[in-house]
Amino acid sequence: MCPNLRAAWGVLLAGGLALGGSGCAVFLPSAARAYRLGVEKGPYDVVIVPGFPSGDGTWNRAIKARVYWSKHLFDEGIARHIIYSGAAVYSPYVESRLMALYAEALGVPREVIHLETRAEFSAENLYYSVALARRLGYRRIAVTTDPFHHGKLERLARKLGLEVTFLPVQFDRLLRMEKKDPEIPGDQALDPDYVPIEVRYSREDRARGTRGERIVRDPVMESPPPAAEAPRPPPGDGAARPDQK
């Protein structure tokens, strides 16, 4: 991940795309290519959105970008459902719940949203979300995140043997979108039993988690995934899937 991530976000979402000397520009062309190729393979039954910590129960630049882009993918018919993924890791706010609250406030129908609330590391975001998608019967699975996170997730997906397609956030389009900051009941995302990850895990355990070595294997992942159907137009009946809230 980019070593100057906060500075890069400040430039990107303040209204510009030039990253200057941040050393991160290399991520953007690969992300643009991945998105273009991914859209050509769509549409998808579901898109997975990894979480990002919130310190105060409101969204920051990273969360806002991921939520708005997932809404874009749904609105454009590229993904029919959304899995927001993430536990309360570095703050008491459950990352998946907070993203879902914002998505609903922006108009994403509740019935197309599912929550994965166990993941504490990027590898777990992928693994547990793919397991949830399989349990829900979804075959064509995509993942979206910002370009700075995209490369890391691609490497983890290969390591874990996960069949997913990446649709990274495209900042040129994101910056042109009309955006708002809706009020949400952030307290609904609070984990009453929250304990900071630094207290629960040693540095070595956190490193193992980063490498995907703390994943609890799910039986649904032990069999080959069902063959994906050929792409088809988004359904028009608004059929709801089981809500994971």
Protein backbone atom coordinates (compact mmCIF):
# COMPACT_ATOMS: atom_id res chain seq x y z
CA MET A 1 0.00 0.00 0.00
CA CYS A 2 1.18 3.52 -0.71
CA PRO A 3 3.42 4.81 2.14
CA ASN A 4 1.96 8.29 1.84
CA LEU A 5 -1.69 7.20 1.67
CA ARG A 6 -3.21 10.06 3.68
CA ALA A 7 -1.45 12.69 1.58
CA ALA A 8 -2.51 10.98 -1.63
CA TRP A 9 -6.14 10.85 -0.51
CA GLY A 10 -5.98 14.54 0.34
CA VAL A 11 -4.86 15.43 -3.18
CA LEU A 12 -7.22 13.06 -4.97
CA LEU A 13 -10.45 13.88 -3.22
CA ALA A 14 -9.78 17.58 -2.77
CA GLY A 15 -10.26 17.84 -6.52
CA GLY A 16 -7.07 16.80 -8.30
CA LEU A 17 -5.54 13.66 -9.70
CA ALA A 18 -1.86 14.62 -9.88
CA LEU A 19 0.06 12.76 -7.19
CA GLY A 20 3.30 14.61 -7.66
CA GLY A 21 6.10 13.10 -5.63
CA SER A 22 3.94 10.80 -3.56
CA GLY A 23 5.26 7.75 -5.42
CA CYS A 24 1.76 6.31 -5.85
CA ALA A 25 0.95 7.12 -9.46
CA VAL A 26 2.03 3.64 -10.54
CA PHE A 27 -1.13 2.23 -8.96
CA LEU A 28 -3.56 4.22 -11.07
CA PRO A 29 -2.88 2.86 -14.60
CA SER A 30 -3.09 -0.76 -13.43
CA ALA A 31 -6.31 -0.01 -11.56
CA ALA A 32 -7.82 1.66 -14.63
CA ARG A 33 -6.96 -1.35 -16.78
CA ALA A 34 -8.37 -3.76 -14.19
CA TYR A 35 -11.62 -1.80 -14.08
CA ARG A 36 -11.97 -1.70 -17.86
CA LEU A 37 -11.38 -5.43 -18.21
CA GLY A 38 -13.63 -6.18 -15.24
CA VAL A 39 -16.57 -4.24 -16.63
CA GLU A 40 -16.24 -6.13 -19.92
CA LYS A 41 -16.72 -9.40 -18.02
CA GLY A 42 -19.77 -8.19 -16.06
CA PRO A 43 -22.36 -7.92 -14.79
CA TYR A 44 -21.74 -9.51 -11.39
CA ASP A 45 -24.03 -11.07 -8.84
CA VAL A 46 -22.29 -9.21 -6.04
CA VAL A 47 -19.44 -6.81 -5.36
CA ILE A 48 -17.36 -7.01 -2.17
CA VAL A 49 -16.32 -3.75 -0.49
CA PRO A 50 -13.55 -4.02 2.16
CA GLY A 51 -13.88 -1.70 5.13
CA PHE A 52 -11.72 1.13 6.44
CA PRO A 53 -11.55 2.41 10.05
CA SER A 54 -13.65 5.35 11.23
CA GLY A 55 -12.51 7.12 14.34
CA ASP A 56 -15.74 8.94 15.16
CA GLY A 57 -18.62 7.11 13.47
CA THR A 58 -18.58 9.23 10.32
CA TRP A 59 -16.99 8.49 6.99
CA ASN A 60 -13.56 9.66 5.93
CA ARG A 61 -12.22 10.02 2.39
CA ALA A 62 -11.47 6.32 1.95
CA ILE A 63 -14.86 5.14 3.21
CA LYS A 64 -16.69 7.77 1.19
CA ALA A 65 -14.89 6.74 -2.02
CA ARG A 66 -15.61 3.05 -1.52
CA VAL A 67 -19.28 3.56 -0.66
CA TYR A 68 -19.91 5.96 -3.54
CA TRP A 69 -18.15 3.64 -5.98
CA SER A 70 -20.14 0.62 -4.81
CA LYS A 71 -23.31 2.65 -5.32
CA HIS A 72 -22.10 3.55 -8.80
CA LEU A 73 -21.53 -0.12 -9.63
CA PHE A 74 -25.03 -0.97 -8.43
CA ASP A 75 -26.71 1.98 -10.17
CA GLU A 76 -24.99 1.11 -13.46
CA GLY A 77 -26.11 -2.52 -13.28
CA ILE A 78 -22.52 -3.74 -13.05
CA ALA A 79 -23.22 -5.43 -9.68
CA ARG A 80 -26.64 -6.57 -8.47
CA HIS A 81 -25.80 -6.84 -4.77
CA ILE A 82 -23.19 -5.48 -2.37
CA ILE A 83 -21.29 -7.11 0.49
CA TYR A 84 -19.75 -4.60 2.89
CA SER A 85 -16.98 -6.28 4.87
CA GLY A 86 -15.19 -5.49 8.10
CA ALA A 87 -15.34 -5.78 11.89
CA ALA A 88 -14.54 -3.17 14.56
CA VAL A 89 -10.75 -3.35 14.27
CA TYR A 90 -8.97 -0.07 14.99
CA SER A 91 -12.01 1.74 16.36
CA PRO A 92 -15.28 0.66 18.05
CA TYR A 93 -17.25 1.19 14.83
CA VAL A 94 -17.99 -1.94 12.79
CA GLU A 95 -16.67 -1.02 9.36
CA SER A 96 -19.24 -2.99 7.36
CA ARG A 97 -22.20 -1.59 9.28
CA LEU A 98 -20.99 1.98 8.92
CA MET A 99 -20.60 1.62 5.14
CA ALA A 100 -24.06 0.05 4.88
CA LEU A 101 -25.63 2.93 6.82
CA TYR A 102 -24.12 5.42 4.40
CA ALA A 103 -25.09 3.35 1.37
CA GLU A 104 -28.71 3.21 2.51
CA ALA A 105 -28.67 6.96 3.20
CA LEU A 106 -27.52 7.48 -0.40
CA GLY A 107 -30.39 5.38 -1.74
CA VAL A 108 -28.97 1.87 -2.12
CA PRO A 109 -31.88 -0.51 -1.34
CA ARG A 110 -31.44 -2.37 1.92
CA GLU A 111 -32.45 -5.65 0.30
CA VAL A 112 -29.37 -5.69 -1.95
CA ILE A 113 -26.94 -5.09 0.93
CA HIS A 114 -25.26 -7.87 2.92
CA LEU A 115 -22.82 -7.54 5.82
CA GLU A 116 -19.70 -9.54 6.55
CA THR A 117 -18.72 -8.56 10.11
CA ARG A 118 -15.84 -10.92 11.02
CA ALA A 119 -12.95 -9.67 8.90
CA GLU A 120 -10.11 -7.88 10.69
CA PHE A 121 -7.49 -8.01 7.91
CA SER A 122 -7.62 -7.53 4.13
CA ALA A 123 -7.16 -11.26 3.49
CA GLU A 124 -10.15 -11.95 5.72
CA ASN A 125 -12.23 -9.30 3.91
CA LEU A 126 -11.75 -11.35 0.77
CA TYR A 127 -12.06 -14.87 2.16
CA TYR A 128 -15.04 -14.37 4.47
CA SER A 129 -16.90 -12.26 1.90
CA VAL A 130 -16.42 -14.83 -0.85
CA ALA A 131 -17.63 -17.52 1.58
CA LEU A 132 -20.74 -15.42 2.33
CA ALA A 133 -21.34 -14.85 -1.38
CA ARG A 134 -21.22 -18.59 -2.04
CA ARG A 135 -23.65 -19.28 0.80
CA LEU A 136 -26.03 -16.76 -0.73
CA GLY A 137 -25.78 -18.51 -4.09
CA TYR A 138 -23.81 -15.79 -5.87
CA ARG A 139 -21.49 -17.07 -8.57
CA ARG A 140 -20.06 -14.03 -10.29
CA ILE A 141 -18.14 -12.11 -7.64
CA ALA A 142 -16.33 -8.78 -7.96
CA VAL A 143 -14.28 -6.72 -5.50
CA THR A 144 -13.93 -2.96 -5.38
CA THR A 145 -11.56 -0.78 -3.39
CA ASP A 146 -9.37 2.26 -3.97
CA PRO A 147 -6.33 1.98 -6.27
CA PHE A 148 -3.89 2.10 -3.34
CA HIS A 149 -5.48 -1.06 -1.86
CA HIS A 150 -6.16 -2.80 -5.15
CA GLY A 151 -2.71 -4.25 -5.76
CA LYS A 152 -2.48 -5.74 -2.28
CA LEU A 153 -5.90 -7.35 -2.61
CA GLU A 154 -5.07 -8.85 -6.00
CA ARG A 155 -1.98 -10.50 -4.55
CA LEU A 156 -3.95 -11.83 -1.59
CA ALA A 157 -6.70 -13.18 -3.85
CA ARG A 158 -4.12 -15.11 -5.86
CA LYS A 159 -2.50 -16.42 -2.70
CA LEU A 160 -5.87 -17.60 -1.34
CA GLY A 161 -6.97 -19.05 -4.67
CA LEU A 162 -10.11 -16.89 -4.86
CA GLU A 163 -11.93 -16.46 -8.17
CA VAL A 164 -12.90 -12.80 -8.10
CA THR A 165 -12.71 -9.88 -10.52
CA PHE A 166 -11.49 -6.45 -9.45
CA LEU A 167 -13.33 -3.20 -10.20
CA PRO A 168 -11.14 -0.53 -8.54
CA VAL A 169 -12.40 2.98 -7.83
CA GLN A 170 -11.77 5.28 -10.79
CA PHE A 171 -10.98 8.69 -9.36
CA ASP A 172 -11.54 10.63 -12.57
CA ARG A 173 -15.18 9.47 -12.57
CA LEU A 174 -15.55 9.69 -8.80
CA LEU A 175 -14.49 13.33 -8.75
CA ARG A 176 -17.16 14.19 -11.34
CA MET A 177 -19.97 12.63 -9.29
CA GLU A 178 -22.30 14.86 -7.34
CA LYS A 179 -21.72 13.93 -3.71
CA LYS A 180 -23.32 14.71 -0.37
CA ASP A 181 -22.63 13.93 3.28
CA PRO A 182 -25.83 12.42 4.68
CA GLU A 183 -26.54 12.20 8.39
CA ILE A 184 -26.50 8.63 9.68
CA PRO A 185 -27.10 7.07 13.12
CA GLY A 186 -23.44 6.20 13.59
CA ASP A 187 -24.09 4.72 17.02
CA GLN A 188 -25.83 1.81 15.25
CA ALA A 189 -22.39 0.76 14.00
CA LEU A 190 -20.85 0.62 17.49
CA ASP A 191 -19.58 -2.71 18.80
CA PRO A 192 -20.41 -2.76 22.54
CA ASP A 193 -17.76 -5.44 23.13
CA TYR A 194 -14.98 -3.68 21.24
CA VAL A 195 -11.40 -4.28 22.31
CA PRO A 196 -8.60 -2.68 20.22
CA ILE A 197 -6.78 -5.10 17.98
CA GLU A 198 -3.46 -4.03 19.49
CA VAL A 199 -4.70 -5.34 22.84
CA ARG A 200 -6.14 -8.60 21.51
CA TYR A 201 -3.26 -9.58 19.21
CA SER A 202 0.49 -9.35 19.51
CA ARG A 203 2.49 -7.71 16.74
CA GLU A 204 3.41 -11.17 15.47
CA ASP A 205 -0.25 -12.24 15.40
CA ARG A 206 -1.19 -9.08 13.53
CA ALA A 207 1.52 -9.83 10.97
CA ARG A 208 0.09 -13.33 10.58
CA GLY A 209 -3.34 -11.82 10.04
CA THR A 210 -1.98 -9.52 7.36
CA ARG A 211 -0.58 -12.56 5.56
CA GLY A 212 -3.91 -14.37 5.79
CA GLU A 213 -2.69 -16.90 8.33
CA ARG A 214 -5.45 -16.30 10.90
CA ILE A 215 -8.34 -17.18 8.59
CA VAL A 216 -10.83 -19.67 10.02
CA ARG A 217 -11.59 -21.99 7.13
CA ASP A 218 -15.20 -22.22 6.02
CA PRO A 219 -16.52 -25.59 4.75
CA VAL A 220 -18.28 -23.85 1.86
CA MET A 221 -14.84 -22.92 0.52
CA GLU A 222 -13.53 -26.49 0.53
CA SER A 223 -15.47 -27.51 -2.58
CA PRO A 224 -14.94 -25.97 -6.03
CA PRO A 225 -17.07 -22.89 -6.67
CA PRO A 226 -20.16 -23.41 -8.83
CA ALA A 227 -19.65 -22.65 -12.48
CA ALA A 228 -20.54 -19.05 -13.22
CA GLU A 229 -23.43 -18.45 -15.56
CA ALA A 230 -22.91 -16.35 -18.64
CA PRO A 231 -23.41 -12.61 -18.04
CA ARG A 232 -27.03 -11.56 -18.26
CA PRO A 233 -28.91 -8.27 -17.98
CA PRO A 234 -29.72 -7.11 -14.42
CA PRO A 235 -33.07 -8.47 -13.19
CA GLY A 236 -35.97 -6.05 -13.17
CA ASP A 237 -38.08 -7.61 -10.44
CA GLY A 238 -36.00 -6.33 -7.52
CA ALA A 239 -35.95 -9.79 -5.95
CA ALA A 240 -34.51 -9.57 -2.43
CA ARG A 241 -31.78 -11.78 -1.04
CA PRO A 242 -31.53 -12.80 2.63
CA ASP A 243 -30.44 -9.77 4.67
CA GLN A 244 -27.33 -10.41 6.72
CA LYS A 245 -28.04 -7.66 9.20
